[in-house]
Structures are given as structure tokens and as C-alpha cells.
Amino acid sequence: KATTPLILRGNQLLCQQATSLTESGTGKPSAVIALALMQLLIEFADLYHGDIPVPKQHTTAEELALDRTALLQHIILTQFANDLTEQYIAEKLFISTRQLQRIIKKQYGMSLRRTVIDLRLKTAAEMLLTSKLSAEEIGRTVGFSSKSGFYREFSKKFGVPPMKYRVQNKTAPA
């Protein structure tokens, strides 16, 4: 059966990815499909609308700093599974990478890389307790490129490997 390819504003590749994710029989757990679709939606928003509004005029330096901090948090929380770079975020906030480094250090007390890794690990820990995905699938879903890197970072933060964490922290059904 021939079908017309879905093309949204000329971006056939992203549309093909969205279509393949939603086709029945992919064999992927629904949580993985939902996260992948969310990522595609973020990419669509980036391409066609910009994921962040242009900063408004501020009357005080404090308002500007608060607005930038909120935008920074938005980017990190919605795109932590991507390969976020200081350069990318600084461009979105219309500031230098050095200014961004100071904001991140003040807001989070650590580097962007460490902030993103910590968010990935917290999300992975939650997914271990709320899903049936394997630890390796969860690691990939939250943005780790290798199983060994995920296991190493997870063990360093929580003191046990992911699957042991799941067993130790899973509550018995009521």
C-alpha cells in the first residue's frame, strides 16, 4: 500500500523518524517511544519556532538575571538527554560562554557537564523504580552514550550499580 510521506514544512527526515516511532510493532517500550517523540517535538520547535523566546527588555539587571536563569533551567530540563554544550546554551541565552559558566556555577554549584550528568542520573534512578526497562535502555534514554559510562557514573552517585539500586529501592506492592 503506497502512502504519501509526511512532510512538515519541508523536513521529511524528522517526519520519517516520528512516523517510524509511532508505527505499531516497533518492539520498543512505550516510555522509550514517548521520550523519542518528545525529543522530536523539541527538535521541531527548535527548527520552526525557536525553543526559547527572545529575551524581553528588562528594567533591572536583577530581572535580566532571573530571566536568563529561568531560560537556562528550561533548556537543561527539556534537553538534558541531548549533547548540550556551553556554546549552544550561550547562543540561546545571547551571552558569552564565560557568562554562562558563571551563571551555572552560581545556580547549580557545578559545571554544566556535571549538572547534566546529575540530572540524567536522577532521572535514571526514577525510571529504574517506575519502569520495566533494562538499565542499559534507561541509560541510553537519559542520554548516556555507553553502558559502561552510565554504570560508572550511577555507581559513583548512588553507591551501587543500577540493577542493585532497583532491587534495593523497589517497594513491595500493597
Protein backbone atom coordinates (compact mmCIF):
# COMPACT_ATOMS: atom_id res chain seq x y z
CA LYS A 1 0.00 0.00 0.00
CA ALA A 2 1.61 3.26 -1.10
CA THR A 3 1.30 6.24 1.18
CA THR A 4 2.32 9.83 0.75
CA PRO A 5 5.25 10.65 3.04
CA LEU A 6 4.50 13.02 5.88
CA ILE A 7 6.37 16.27 5.34
CA LEU A 8 6.05 19.14 7.78
CA ARG A 9 7.43 22.41 6.47
CA GLY A 10 9.84 20.57 4.23
CA ASN A 11 11.54 18.46 6.92
CA GLN A 12 10.95 14.95 5.69
CA LEU A 13 13.69 13.33 7.84
CA LEU A 14 12.18 14.34 11.20
CA CYS A 15 8.74 13.33 9.94
CA GLN A 16 10.04 9.91 8.89
CA GLN A 17 11.52 9.45 12.36
CA ALA A 18 8.22 10.38 14.00
CA THR A 19 6.28 8.05 11.72
CA SER A 20 8.62 5.11 12.35
CA LEU A 21 8.36 5.61 16.12
CA THR A 22 4.58 5.51 16.11
CA GLU A 23 4.12 2.54 13.79
CA SER A 24 2.80 -0.50 15.58
CA GLY A 25 5.08 -3.42 16.18
CA THR A 26 8.27 -1.43 16.79
CA GLY A 27 9.00 -3.62 19.81
CA LYS A 28 10.06 -0.62 21.84
CA PRO A 29 8.52 0.05 25.27
CA SER A 30 6.04 2.93 25.29
CA ALA A 31 8.25 5.02 27.60
CA VAL A 32 11.10 4.91 25.08
CA ILE A 33 8.71 5.84 22.25
CA ALA A 34 7.26 8.71 24.29
CA LEU A 35 10.71 10.10 25.11
CA ALA A 36 11.81 9.81 21.49
CA LEU A 37 8.67 11.60 20.30
CA MET A 38 9.23 14.31 22.91
CA GLN A 39 12.76 14.77 21.57
CA LEU A 40 11.44 15.10 18.02
CA LEU A 41 8.91 17.69 19.16
CA ILE A 42 11.72 19.69 20.77
CA GLU A 43 13.66 19.49 17.50
CA PHE A 44 10.60 20.68 15.56
CA ALA A 45 10.17 23.56 17.97
CA ASP A 46 13.84 24.46 17.63
CA LEU A 47 13.68 24.42 13.85
CA TYR A 48 10.46 26.29 13.33
CA HIS A 49 9.70 28.41 16.34
CA GLY A 50 12.86 28.52 18.42
CA ASP A 51 12.78 26.71 21.74
CA ILE A 52 13.35 29.90 23.70
CA PRO A 53 11.69 33.28 23.29
CA VAL A 54 13.83 36.29 22.51
CA PRO A 55 14.71 37.98 25.80
CA LYS A 56 12.40 40.88 26.59
CA GLN A 57 13.53 44.33 27.64
CA HIS A 58 14.38 44.36 31.34
CA THR A 59 14.25 47.32 33.67
CA THR A 60 16.85 45.97 36.09
CA ALA A 61 19.88 43.74 35.96
CA GLU A 62 18.18 41.51 38.52
CA GLU A 63 15.19 40.90 36.20
CA LEU A 64 17.56 40.04 33.38
CA ALA A 65 19.49 37.59 35.57
CA LEU A 66 16.26 35.92 36.75
CA ASP A 67 15.01 35.60 33.17
CA ARG A 68 18.29 34.08 31.99
CA THR A 69 18.32 31.66 34.91
CA ALA A 70 14.77 30.53 34.10
CA LEU A 71 15.67 30.07 30.43
CA LEU A 72 18.80 28.13 31.41
CA GLN A 73 16.75 25.81 33.63
CA HIS A 74 14.24 25.32 30.80
CA ILE A 75 16.96 24.29 28.36
CA ILE A 76 18.64 21.90 30.80
CA LEU A 77 15.38 20.28 31.93
CA THR A 78 13.98 19.77 28.44
CA GLN A 79 17.17 18.80 26.62
CA PHE A 80 19.37 17.03 29.20
CA ALA A 81 19.30 13.80 27.18
CA ASN A 82 20.98 15.62 24.27
CA ASP A 83 24.61 16.54 23.97
CA LEU A 84 24.27 20.03 25.49
CA THR A 85 27.25 22.32 25.07
CA GLU A 86 28.05 25.63 26.70
CA GLN A 87 28.29 27.21 23.24
CA TYR A 88 24.76 26.06 22.27
CA ILE A 89 23.19 27.31 25.51
CA ALA A 90 25.13 30.60 25.48
CA GLU A 91 23.84 31.31 21.96
CA LYS A 92 20.27 30.61 23.08
CA LEU A 93 20.67 33.00 26.03
CA PHE A 94 22.50 35.64 23.99
CA ILE A 95 25.50 35.65 26.34
CA SER A 96 29.14 34.58 26.24
CA THR A 97 30.21 31.11 27.36
CA ARG A 98 32.11 32.72 30.26
CA GLN A 99 28.93 34.48 31.46
CA LEU A 100 27.09 31.17 31.15
CA GLN A 101 29.73 29.38 33.21
CA ARG A 102 29.31 31.95 36.00
CA ILE A 103 25.51 31.62 35.93
CA ILE A 104 25.68 27.82 36.02
CA LYS A 105 28.21 27.84 38.86
CA LYS A 106 26.02 30.25 40.87
CA GLN A 107 22.77 28.38 40.15
CA TYR A 108 23.96 24.77 40.43
CA GLY A 109 27.33 24.95 42.18
CA MET A 110 28.98 22.83 39.49
CA SER A 111 29.83 22.76 35.79
CA LEU A 112 27.27 22.29 33.01
CA ARG A 113 28.62 18.80 32.33
CA ARG A 114 28.23 17.74 35.98
CA THR A 115 24.78 19.36 36.21
CA VAL A 116 23.57 17.45 33.14
CA ILE A 117 25.06 14.16 34.37
CA ASP A 118 23.38 14.58 37.77
CA LEU A 119 20.00 15.26 36.13
CA ARG A 120 20.44 12.23 33.89
CA LEU A 121 21.28 10.07 36.91
CA LYS A 122 18.30 11.31 38.96
CA THR A 123 16.00 10.63 36.01
CA ALA A 124 17.55 7.18 35.51
CA ALA A 125 17.08 6.33 39.21
CA GLU A 126 13.41 7.29 38.96
CA MET A 127 12.98 5.27 35.77
CA LEU A 128 14.59 2.22 37.40
CA LEU A 129 11.86 2.30 40.04
CA THR A 130 8.92 3.14 37.78
CA SER A 131 9.57 1.23 34.56
CA LYS A 132 10.50 -2.25 33.46
CA LEU A 133 13.17 -1.08 31.03
CA SER A 134 16.62 -2.59 31.35
CA ALA A 135 19.34 -0.48 32.93
CA GLU A 136 21.08 -0.22 29.57
CA GLU A 137 17.91 1.07 27.87
CA ILE A 138 17.40 3.61 30.65
CA GLY A 139 21.00 4.80 30.34
CA ARG A 140 20.58 5.38 26.60
CA THR A 141 17.19 7.04 27.10
CA VAL A 142 18.53 9.62 29.53
CA GLY A 143 21.50 10.45 27.30
CA PHE A 144 24.45 8.24 28.17
CA SER A 145 26.27 7.08 25.07
CA SER A 146 27.79 3.97 26.63
CA LYS A 147 26.65 1.32 29.09
CA SER A 148 29.96 1.44 30.95
CA GLY A 149 29.81 5.22 31.34
CA PHE A 150 26.27 5.00 32.70
CA TYR A 151 27.10 2.21 35.15
CA ARG A 152 30.26 4.00 36.33
CA GLU A 153 28.51 7.34 36.94
CA PHE A 154 25.46 5.69 38.51
CA SER A 155 27.56 3.62 40.90
CA LYS A 156 29.62 6.67 41.84
CA LYS A 157 26.49 8.70 42.69
CA PHE A 158 24.32 6.03 44.35
CA GLY A 159 26.95 3.62 45.66
CA VAL A 160 25.50 0.60 43.82
CA PRO A 161 25.03 -0.44 40.17
CA PRO A 162 21.66 0.38 38.56
CA MET A 163 20.05 -3.06 38.87
CA LYS A 164 21.07 -3.43 42.51
CA TYR A 165 19.61 0.05 43.12
CA ARG A 166 16.33 -1.14 41.55
CA VAL A 167 16.19 -4.22 43.79
CA GLN A 168 17.11 -2.33 46.98
CA ASN A 169 14.68 0.54 46.43
CA LYS A 170 11.67 -1.14 44.85
CA THR A 171 8.77 -1.07 47.28
CA ALA A 172 6.68 -4.15 47.73
CA PRO A 173 3.18 -3.97 46.19
CA ALA A 174 0.47 -3.10 48.72
